Amino acid sequence: MSSLELQQLRRVAGAVARLRGEGVREVTVRSDLRQLKVELESGLILVVSAGRDGQGRPQLEVDVVELPLDATVRQQLEVRFE
């Protein structure tokens, strides 16, 4: 396992560890099944995306997003298309 792969696994583990004890409010899956969005009761959002890296190898991305505290800010999730 390369150090880059190990760093990615640590990043995923760190993101998921933030969610201990959270309750799930809503789950959304993109129609092409490449992304899963889990909205939690605390306002955190877990985003899991499957795709390919620059060399065409499968890649899994996991991010935890916090909603802005300002309720007047438009809530929008940015999605990259390649």
N, C-alpha and C. Protein backbone atom coordinates (compact mmCIF):
# COMPACT_ATOMS: atom_id res chain seq x y z
N MET A 1 0.85 -1.16 0.00
CA MET A 1 0.00 0.00 0.00
C MET A 1 0.91 1.24 0.00
N SER A 2 0.64 2.17 -0.89
CA SER A 2 1.46 3.37 -0.97
C SER A 2 1.09 4.35 0.14
N SER A 3 1.99 5.30 0.38
CA SER A 3 1.72 6.30 1.43
C SER A 3 0.53 7.17 1.05
N LEU A 4 0.32 7.38 -0.26
CA LEU A 4 -0.83 8.17 -0.71
C LEU A 4 -2.14 7.45 -0.38
N GLU A 5 -2.20 6.14 -0.63
CA GLU A 5 -3.39 5.37 -0.29
C GLU A 5 -3.64 5.38 1.20
N LEU A 6 -2.58 5.25 1.99
CA LEU A 6 -2.71 5.27 3.44
C LEU A 6 -3.23 6.61 3.93
N GLN A 7 -2.75 7.70 3.34
CA GLN A 7 -3.23 9.04 3.71
C GLN A 7 -4.72 9.18 3.38
N GLN A 8 -5.14 8.63 2.24
CA GLN A 8 -6.55 8.70 1.88
C GLN A 8 -7.41 7.90 2.86
N LEU A 9 -6.94 6.72 3.26
CA LEU A 9 -7.69 5.93 4.24
C LEU A 9 -7.78 6.64 5.58
N ARG A 10 -6.71 7.30 6.01
CA ARG A 10 -6.75 8.05 7.26
C ARG A 10 -7.73 9.21 7.16
N ARG A 11 -7.78 9.88 6.01
CA ARG A 11 -8.72 10.99 5.82
C ARG A 11 -10.16 10.50 5.89
N VAL A 12 -10.45 9.36 5.25
CA VAL A 12 -11.79 8.78 5.29
C VAL A 12 -12.15 8.39 6.72
N ALA A 13 -11.23 7.73 7.42
CA ALA A 13 -11.49 7.31 8.80
C ALA A 13 -11.74 8.52 9.70
N GLY A 14 -10.98 9.59 9.51
CA GLY A 14 -11.17 10.81 10.30
C GLY A 14 -12.52 11.45 10.04
N ALA A 15 -12.93 11.47 8.78
CA ALA A 15 -14.22 12.07 8.43
C ALA A 15 -15.37 11.28 9.05
N VAL A 16 -15.30 9.96 8.95
CA VAL A 16 -16.38 9.13 9.48
C VAL A 16 -16.39 9.14 11.01
N ALA A 17 -15.22 9.25 11.63
CA ALA A 17 -15.15 9.28 13.10
C ALA A 17 -15.89 10.48 13.68
N ARG A 18 -15.95 11.58 12.93
CA ARG A 18 -16.68 12.76 13.39
C ARG A 18 -18.18 12.50 13.56
N LEU A 19 -18.67 11.42 12.97
CA LEU A 19 -20.10 11.16 12.94
C LEU A 19 -20.59 10.24 14.05
N ARG A 20 -19.72 9.83 14.95
CA ARG A 20 -20.14 8.94 16.03
C ARG A 20 -21.28 9.55 16.82
N GLY A 21 -22.31 8.77 17.04
CA GLY A 21 -23.44 9.20 17.85
C GLY A 21 -24.43 10.09 17.13
N GLU A 22 -24.22 10.35 15.84
CA GLU A 22 -25.12 11.22 15.08
C GLU A 22 -26.37 10.45 14.65
N GLY A 23 -27.49 11.17 14.58
CA GLY A 23 -28.72 10.60 14.05
C GLY A 23 -28.88 11.03 12.59
N VAL A 24 -29.38 10.13 11.76
CA VAL A 24 -29.57 10.40 10.34
C VAL A 24 -30.93 11.03 10.11
N ARG A 25 -30.94 12.16 9.40
CA ARG A 25 -32.18 12.84 9.05
C ARG A 25 -32.68 12.43 7.67
N GLU A 26 -31.77 12.37 6.69
CA GLU A 26 -32.16 12.05 5.32
C GLU A 26 -30.98 11.49 4.55
N VAL A 27 -31.26 10.58 3.61
CA VAL A 27 -30.23 10.00 2.75
C VAL A 27 -30.67 10.18 1.31
N THR A 28 -29.76 10.67 0.46
CA THR A 28 -30.04 10.88 -0.96
C THR A 28 -28.96 10.21 -1.78
N VAL A 29 -29.37 9.49 -2.83
CA VAL A 29 -28.42 8.84 -3.74
C VAL A 29 -28.64 9.43 -5.13
N ARG A 30 -27.53 9.83 -5.79
CA ARG A 30 -27.65 10.34 -7.15
C ARG A 30 -28.18 9.26 -8.06
N SER A 31 -28.86 9.65 -9.12
CA SER A 31 -29.48 8.69 -10.03
C SER A 31 -28.45 7.79 -10.72
N ASP A 32 -27.21 8.27 -10.90
CA ASP A 32 -26.18 7.44 -11.52
C ASP A 32 -25.41 6.62 -10.49
N LEU A 33 -25.83 6.67 -9.23
CA LEU A 33 -25.27 5.89 -8.11
C LEU A 33 -23.81 6.22 -7.81
N ARG A 34 -23.32 7.38 -8.25
CA ARG A 34 -21.93 7.75 -7.99
C ARG A 34 -21.76 8.57 -6.72
N GLN A 35 -22.86 8.98 -6.09
CA GLN A 35 -22.73 9.80 -4.89
C GLN A 35 -23.86 9.51 -3.92
N LEU A 36 -23.48 9.46 -2.64
CA LEU A 36 -24.43 9.26 -1.55
C LEU A 36 -24.28 10.45 -0.60
N LYS A 37 -25.41 11.07 -0.26
CA LYS A 37 -25.40 12.21 0.67
C LYS A 37 -26.25 11.85 1.87
N VAL A 38 -25.64 11.92 3.06
CA VAL A 38 -26.34 11.60 4.31
C VAL A 38 -26.41 12.87 5.15
N GLU A 39 -27.63 13.38 5.36
CA GLU A 39 -27.82 14.56 6.18
C GLU A 39 -28.11 14.11 7.61
N LEU A 40 -27.37 14.68 8.56
CA LEU A 40 -27.47 14.28 9.95
C LEU A 40 -28.25 15.31 10.76
N GLU A 41 -28.78 14.89 11.90
CA GLU A 41 -29.60 15.76 12.73
C GLU A 41 -28.84 16.99 13.23
N SER A 42 -27.53 16.88 13.38
CA SER A 42 -26.72 18.01 13.87
C SER A 42 -26.48 19.06 12.80
N GLY A 43 -26.84 18.76 11.55
CA GLY A 43 -26.58 19.68 10.45
C GLY A 43 -25.38 19.30 9.61
N LEU A 44 -24.59 18.32 10.08
CA LEU A 44 -23.47 17.84 9.26
C LEU A 44 -24.01 17.04 8.09
N ILE A 45 -23.25 17.02 7.00
CA ILE A 45 -23.60 16.24 5.82
C ILE A 45 -22.40 15.37 5.47
N LEU A 46 -22.63 14.06 5.32
CA LEU A 46 -21.62 13.13 4.87
C LEU A 46 -21.83 12.91 3.38
N VAL A 47 -20.78 13.12 2.59
CA VAL A 47 -20.87 12.92 1.15
C VAL A 47 -19.85 11.85 0.75
N VAL A 48 -20.34 10.76 0.15
CA VAL A 48 -19.49 9.68 -0.32
C VAL A 48 -19.63 9.62 -1.83
N SER A 49 -18.49 9.78 -2.53
CA SER A 49 -18.50 9.79 -3.99
C SER A 49 -17.57 8.71 -4.53
N ALA A 50 -18.01 8.05 -5.60
CA ALA A 50 -17.19 7.05 -6.28
C ALA A 50 -16.90 7.56 -7.68
N GLY A 51 -15.65 7.43 -8.09
CA GLY A 51 -15.27 7.90 -9.42
C GLY A 51 -13.95 7.29 -9.82
N ARG A 52 -13.26 7.97 -10.71
CA ARG A 52 -11.95 7.51 -11.18
C ARG A 52 -10.95 8.65 -11.07
N ASP A 53 -9.71 8.30 -10.74
CA ASP A 53 -8.67 9.32 -10.65
C ASP A 53 -8.11 9.61 -12.05
N GLY A 54 -7.06 10.40 -12.13
CA GLY A 54 -6.47 10.79 -13.41
C GLY A 54 -5.96 9.64 -14.25
N GLN A 55 -5.57 8.55 -13.60
CA GLN A 55 -5.08 7.36 -14.32
C GLN A 55 -6.18 6.33 -14.59
N GLY A 56 -7.41 6.67 -14.25
CA GLY A 56 -8.53 5.77 -14.51
C GLY A 56 -8.76 4.73 -13.43
N ARG A 57 -8.05 4.83 -12.31
CA ARG A 57 -8.25 3.88 -11.21
C ARG A 57 -9.46 4.30 -10.38
N PRO A 58 -10.20 3.33 -9.83
CA PRO A 58 -11.34 3.66 -8.97
C PRO A 58 -10.89 4.50 -7.78
N GLN A 59 -11.71 5.46 -7.42
CA GLN A 59 -11.38 6.34 -6.30
C GLN A 59 -12.65 6.59 -5.48
N LEU A 60 -12.51 6.53 -4.16
CA LEU A 60 -13.60 6.79 -3.24
C LEU A 60 -13.27 8.05 -2.46
N GLU A 61 -14.19 9.02 -2.46
CA GLU A 61 -13.99 10.25 -1.70
C GLU A 61 -15.06 10.34 -0.63
N VAL A 62 -14.65 10.70 0.58
CA VAL A 62 -15.57 10.87 1.69
C VAL A 62 -15.31 12.23 2.31
N ASP A 63 -16.35 13.04 2.42
CA ASP A 63 -16.22 14.36 3.02
C ASP A 63 -17.34 14.57 4.02
N VAL A 64 -17.04 15.33 5.08
CA VAL A 64 -18.05 15.77 6.02
C VAL A 64 -18.14 17.28 5.89
N VAL A 65 -19.34 17.77 5.61
CA VAL A 65 -19.57 19.18 5.35
C VAL A 65 -20.43 19.75 6.47
N GLU A 66 -20.08 20.94 6.95
CA GLU A 66 -20.90 21.62 7.95
C GLU A 66 -21.71 22.71 7.26
N LEU A 67 -22.99 22.78 7.59
CA LEU A 67 -23.83 23.84 7.05
C LEU A 67 -23.44 25.17 7.68
N PRO A 68 -23.57 26.27 6.94
CA PRO A 68 -23.28 27.58 7.54
C PRO A 68 -24.25 27.89 8.67
N LEU A 69 -23.77 28.59 9.67
CA LEU A 69 -24.63 28.96 10.80
C LEU A 69 -25.66 30.00 10.42
N ASP A 70 -25.38 30.81 9.41
CA ASP A 70 -26.29 31.86 8.96
C ASP A 70 -27.42 31.23 8.14
N ALA A 71 -28.63 31.26 8.64
CA ALA A 71 -29.78 30.63 7.97
C ALA A 71 -30.16 31.34 6.68
N THR A 72 -29.70 32.58 6.47
CA THR A 72 -30.04 33.30 5.24
C THR A 72 -29.16 32.88 4.07
N VAL A 73 -28.08 32.16 4.33
CA VAL A 73 -27.19 31.69 3.27
C VAL A 73 -27.86 30.54 2.54
N ARG A 74 -27.83 30.60 1.22
CA ARG A 74 -28.45 29.56 0.41
C ARG A 74 -27.69 28.26 0.60
N GLN A 75 -28.40 27.18 0.91
CA GLN A 75 -27.78 25.88 1.15
C GLN A 75 -27.66 25.15 -0.18
N GLN A 76 -26.42 24.96 -0.62
CA GLN A 76 -26.17 24.32 -1.90
C GLN A 76 -24.97 23.40 -1.76
N LEU A 77 -25.06 22.22 -2.32
CA LEU A 77 -23.96 21.26 -2.31
C LEU A 77 -23.32 21.27 -3.68
N GLU A 78 -22.01 21.53 -3.74
CA GLU A 78 -21.30 21.58 -5.01
C GLU A 78 -20.87 20.19 -5.42
N VAL A 79 -21.12 19.84 -6.69
CA VAL A 79 -20.77 18.54 -7.22
C VAL A 79 -19.90 18.75 -8.46
N ARG A 80 -18.73 18.08 -8.49
CA ARG A 80 -17.83 18.18 -9.65
C ARG A 80 -18.24 17.16 -10.70
N PHE A 81 -18.22 17.55 -11.96
CA PHE A 81 -18.45 16.64 -13.06
C PHE A 81 -17.19 16.57 -13.89
N GLU A 82 -16.78 15.38 -14.22
CA GLU A 82 -15.55 15.22 -15.01
C GLU A 82 -15.87 14.65 -16.36
